[in-house]
Amino acid sequence: MFKTILIAAVLVVIFNAVFVFSGGLDLLVKQDQEERIKVEKIDPDIVDVFRFTLEDEVLKKIGQPIEGYEPQMFLEAFSGLTETDFAGVSAVIGTYEVLEGRLEHRLGDTKQPIHSAATAIDKEGYETLLNNVANRAAINLKGSGTITDVMSVIVGD
């Protein structure tokens, strides 16, 4: 009986070690982050208005970026934005993730050559950012919520 329990315990420890070292834990964390990020499709025209508004404000406050717009620029220009608003936002190459409370750019499994604009937010990234802010502020963009409501949140009103 004791031998059976010991064998079972050893097998559990071995299974857990293999699971953790084979990347299973990272997969679980990534799935958890993806589940928390509720992405709804938004009219592309609305996303464009959001993008142009953000970029225009960065241009006024910080200046013209050389290699595209990055999260840090928006965080500097808009006091109501948080690093967690950028969770899951896609870049030209890779995505942004919040790990241990910090925003980080992850290249992922790309085979593309890395270049200086890799960290710039792409068009789909703006849609994710808009969704993240709207979800955080409980603004229903499919209902009565508007871009003006979202902008009020990120401006810090």
Foldseek 3Di string as FASTA:
>chain_A
DVVVVVVVVVVVVVVVVCCVVVCVVVVVVVVVLVVVQDADDDPLVQLVVLVVVQQVQLCVPPNDDDQADAPVSSVVRFVLDDLCLQDQFAFLAAGWHQDPNDIDGDRPPDPDDDDPNRRHGDSVSSSSSLSSLCVVVVADPVPDGGVVVSSCRRNPD
